[in-house]
Amino acid sequence: MRPITGKEMCRLLQQHGWILKRIRGSHHIFGKSGEFKIITVPVHANATLKPGLANRISKDTDIVW
């Protein structure tokens, strides 16, 4: 997988039906109807997400970029 920023990850989540529930500081919290998982994405300007976090979000949401 290529490096991805927090902004790009938020955009991908919204395209796949995840809804932005709230923002606390720089963390965007997403939820989805029918899912018990809550996805938190740190959005720090144009900084890329660390590979482990990006992989975990990908596995939890079944999104591949």
N, C-alpha and C. Protein backbone atom coordinates (compact mmCIF):
# COMPACT_ATOMS: atom_id res chain seq x y z
N MET A 1 0.83 -1.18 0.00
CA MET A 1 0.00 0.00 0.00
C MET A 1 0.88 1.24 0.00
N ARG A 2 0.38 2.25 -0.64
CA ARG A 2 1.12 3.51 -0.69
C ARG A 2 0.82 4.33 0.57
N PRO A 3 1.69 5.26 0.92
CA PRO A 3 1.42 6.13 2.07
C PRO A 3 0.15 6.96 1.83
N ILE A 4 -0.59 7.20 2.90
CA ILE A 4 -1.84 7.94 2.79
C ILE A 4 -1.93 8.93 3.94
N THR A 5 -2.46 10.10 3.66
CA THR A 5 -2.61 11.11 4.70
C THR A 5 -3.94 10.91 5.42
N GLY A 6 -4.09 11.57 6.54
CA GLY A 6 -5.33 11.49 7.30
C GLY A 6 -6.52 12.04 6.51
N LYS A 7 -6.29 13.13 5.78
CA LYS A 7 -7.36 13.73 4.97
C LYS A 7 -7.83 12.75 3.90
N GLU A 8 -6.88 12.09 3.23
CA GLU A 8 -7.24 11.12 2.20
C GLU A 8 -8.00 9.93 2.79
N MET A 9 -7.58 9.48 3.98
CA MET A 9 -8.25 8.37 4.63
C MET A 9 -9.69 8.75 4.99
N CYS A 10 -9.90 9.97 5.47
CA CYS A 10 -11.25 10.44 5.79
C CYS A 10 -12.12 10.43 4.53
N ARG A 11 -11.57 10.90 3.44
CA ARG A 11 -12.29 10.93 2.17
C ARG A 11 -12.68 9.51 1.73
N LEU A 12 -11.76 8.57 1.86
CA LEU A 12 -12.03 7.18 1.49
C LEU A 12 -13.13 6.57 2.36
N LEU A 13 -13.05 6.83 3.66
CA LEU A 13 -14.06 6.29 4.57
C LEU A 13 -15.44 6.81 4.21
N GLN A 14 -15.55 8.09 3.92
CA GLN A 14 -16.84 8.67 3.58
C GLN A 14 -17.37 8.12 2.26
N GLN A 15 -16.49 7.83 1.31
CA GLN A 15 -16.91 7.25 0.04
C GLN A 15 -17.44 5.84 0.22
N HIS A 16 -17.01 5.16 1.29
CA HIS A 16 -17.45 3.79 1.54
C HIS A 16 -18.55 3.72 2.61
N GLY A 17 -19.22 4.82 2.86
CA GLY A 17 -20.39 4.80 3.72
C GLY A 17 -20.16 5.09 5.19
N TRP A 18 -18.93 5.38 5.59
CA TRP A 18 -18.66 5.73 6.98
C TRP A 18 -19.05 7.18 7.20
N ILE A 19 -19.62 7.48 8.35
CA ILE A 19 -20.13 8.81 8.65
C ILE A 19 -19.29 9.45 9.74
N LEU A 20 -18.90 10.70 9.53
CA LEU A 20 -18.15 11.45 10.53
C LEU A 20 -19.09 11.78 11.68
N LYS A 21 -18.82 11.18 12.84
CA LYS A 21 -19.67 11.38 14.02
C LYS A 21 -19.29 12.63 14.78
N ARG A 22 -17.97 12.81 14.99
CA ARG A 22 -17.51 13.97 15.74
C ARG A 22 -16.03 14.18 15.49
N ILE A 23 -15.55 15.35 15.89
CA ILE A 23 -14.13 15.67 15.81
C ILE A 23 -13.70 16.12 17.20
N ARG A 24 -12.64 15.54 17.70
CA ARG A 24 -12.09 15.95 18.99
C ARG A 24 -10.63 16.30 18.77
N GLY A 25 -10.34 17.57 18.75
CA GLY A 25 -8.98 18.01 18.46
C GLY A 25 -8.67 17.71 17.00
N SER A 26 -7.65 16.91 16.78
CA SER A 26 -7.27 16.56 15.41
C SER A 26 -7.70 15.14 15.05
N HIS A 27 -8.51 14.51 15.88
CA HIS A 27 -8.96 13.14 15.63
C HIS A 27 -10.40 13.14 15.13
N HIS A 28 -10.58 12.56 13.95
CA HIS A 28 -11.90 12.45 13.34
C HIS A 28 -12.42 11.05 13.65
N ILE A 29 -13.63 10.99 14.21
CA ILE A 29 -14.20 9.72 14.64
C ILE A 29 -15.36 9.37 13.72
N PHE A 30 -15.26 8.17 13.12
CA PHE A 30 -16.24 7.71 12.15
C PHE A 30 -17.00 6.51 12.68
N GLY A 31 -18.25 6.40 12.26
CA GLY A 31 -19.08 5.25 12.58
C GLY A 31 -19.88 4.88 11.34
N LYS A 32 -20.49 3.70 11.40
CA LYS A 32 -21.28 3.24 10.27
C LYS A 32 -22.48 2.46 10.79
N SER A 33 -23.61 2.69 10.19
CA SER A 33 -24.82 1.98 10.58
C SER A 33 -24.61 0.47 10.38
N GLY A 34 -24.94 -0.31 11.40
CA GLY A 34 -24.78 -1.75 11.31
C GLY A 34 -23.40 -2.25 11.73
N GLU A 35 -22.48 -1.36 12.01
CA GLU A 35 -21.13 -1.72 12.45
C GLU A 35 -20.97 -1.33 13.92
N PHE A 36 -20.29 -2.17 14.67
CA PHE A 36 -20.04 -1.86 16.07
C PHE A 36 -18.68 -1.19 16.27
N LYS A 37 -17.91 -1.10 15.20
CA LYS A 37 -16.58 -0.51 15.28
C LYS A 37 -16.65 1.00 15.16
N ILE A 38 -15.74 1.66 15.84
CA ILE A 38 -15.56 3.10 15.70
C ILE A 38 -14.15 3.30 15.17
N ILE A 39 -14.01 4.07 14.12
CA ILE A 39 -12.72 4.30 13.48
C ILE A 39 -12.27 5.72 13.80
N THR A 40 -11.07 5.85 14.34
CA THR A 40 -10.49 7.15 14.66
C THR A 40 -9.32 7.40 13.73
N VAL A 41 -9.35 8.56 13.06
CA VAL A 41 -8.30 8.92 12.12
C VAL A 41 -7.66 10.23 12.58
N PRO A 42 -6.36 10.23 12.87
CA PRO A 42 -5.69 11.48 13.21
C PRO A 42 -5.41 12.28 11.93
N VAL A 43 -5.82 13.54 11.94
CA VAL A 43 -5.61 14.41 10.78
C VAL A 43 -4.68 15.53 11.22
N HIS A 44 -3.41 15.39 10.89
CA HIS A 44 -2.40 16.38 11.25
C HIS A 44 -1.84 16.98 9.97
N ALA A 45 -2.47 18.04 9.49
CA ALA A 45 -2.07 18.73 8.26
C ALA A 45 -1.92 17.71 7.13
N ASN A 46 -0.77 17.65 6.50
CA ASN A 46 -0.55 16.70 5.41
C ASN A 46 0.39 15.57 5.81
N ALA A 47 0.46 15.27 7.09
CA ALA A 47 1.32 14.19 7.56
C ALA A 47 0.69 12.84 7.19
N THR A 48 1.53 11.90 6.77
CA THR A 48 1.02 10.58 6.41
C THR A 48 0.78 9.76 7.68
N LEU A 49 -0.16 8.85 7.56
CA LEU A 49 -0.44 7.95 8.67
C LEU A 49 0.69 6.93 8.76
N LYS A 50 0.98 6.47 9.95
CA LYS A 50 2.00 5.44 10.10
C LYS A 50 1.46 4.15 9.49
N PRO A 51 2.36 3.32 8.94
CA PRO A 51 1.91 2.12 8.22
C PRO A 51 1.04 1.19 9.06
N GLY A 52 1.36 1.01 10.33
CA GLY A 52 0.57 0.12 11.17
C GLY A 52 -0.85 0.60 11.36
N LEU A 53 -1.02 1.91 11.57
CA LEU A 53 -2.35 2.48 11.74
C LEU A 53 -3.14 2.39 10.43
N ALA A 54 -2.50 2.70 9.32
CA ALA A 54 -3.18 2.62 8.02
C ALA A 54 -3.63 1.19 7.74
N ASN A 55 -2.79 0.21 8.04
CA ASN A 55 -3.15 -1.19 7.83
C ASN A 55 -4.31 -1.60 8.74
N ARG A 56 -4.31 -1.15 9.98
CA ARG A 56 -5.38 -1.50 10.92
C ARG A 56 -6.70 -0.92 10.46
N ILE A 57 -6.71 0.33 10.01
CA ILE A 57 -7.95 0.94 9.51
C ILE A 57 -8.43 0.20 8.28
N SER A 58 -7.50 -0.18 7.41
CA SER A 58 -7.84 -0.92 6.20
C SER A 58 -8.49 -2.26 6.54
N LYS A 59 -7.93 -2.97 7.49
CA LYS A 59 -8.49 -4.28 7.89
C LYS A 59 -9.85 -4.11 8.56
N ASP A 60 -9.98 -3.11 9.42
CA ASP A 60 -11.23 -2.91 10.16
C ASP A 60 -12.38 -2.49 9.24
N THR A 61 -12.07 -1.79 8.17
CA THR A 61 -13.12 -1.26 7.29
C THR A 61 -13.24 -1.99 5.96
N ASP A 62 -12.34 -2.92 5.68
CA ASP A 62 -12.31 -3.65 4.40
C ASP A 62 -12.15 -2.72 3.21
N ILE A 63 -11.32 -1.67 3.39
CA ILE A 63 -11.03 -0.73 2.32
C ILE A 63 -9.57 -0.91 1.90
N VAL A 64 -9.36 -1.03 0.61
CA VAL A 64 -8.00 -1.14 0.07
C VAL A 64 -7.80 0.01 -0.90
N TRP A 65 -6.69 0.70 -0.78
CA TRP A 65 -6.42 1.82 -1.70
C TRP A 65 -5.19 1.55 -2.50
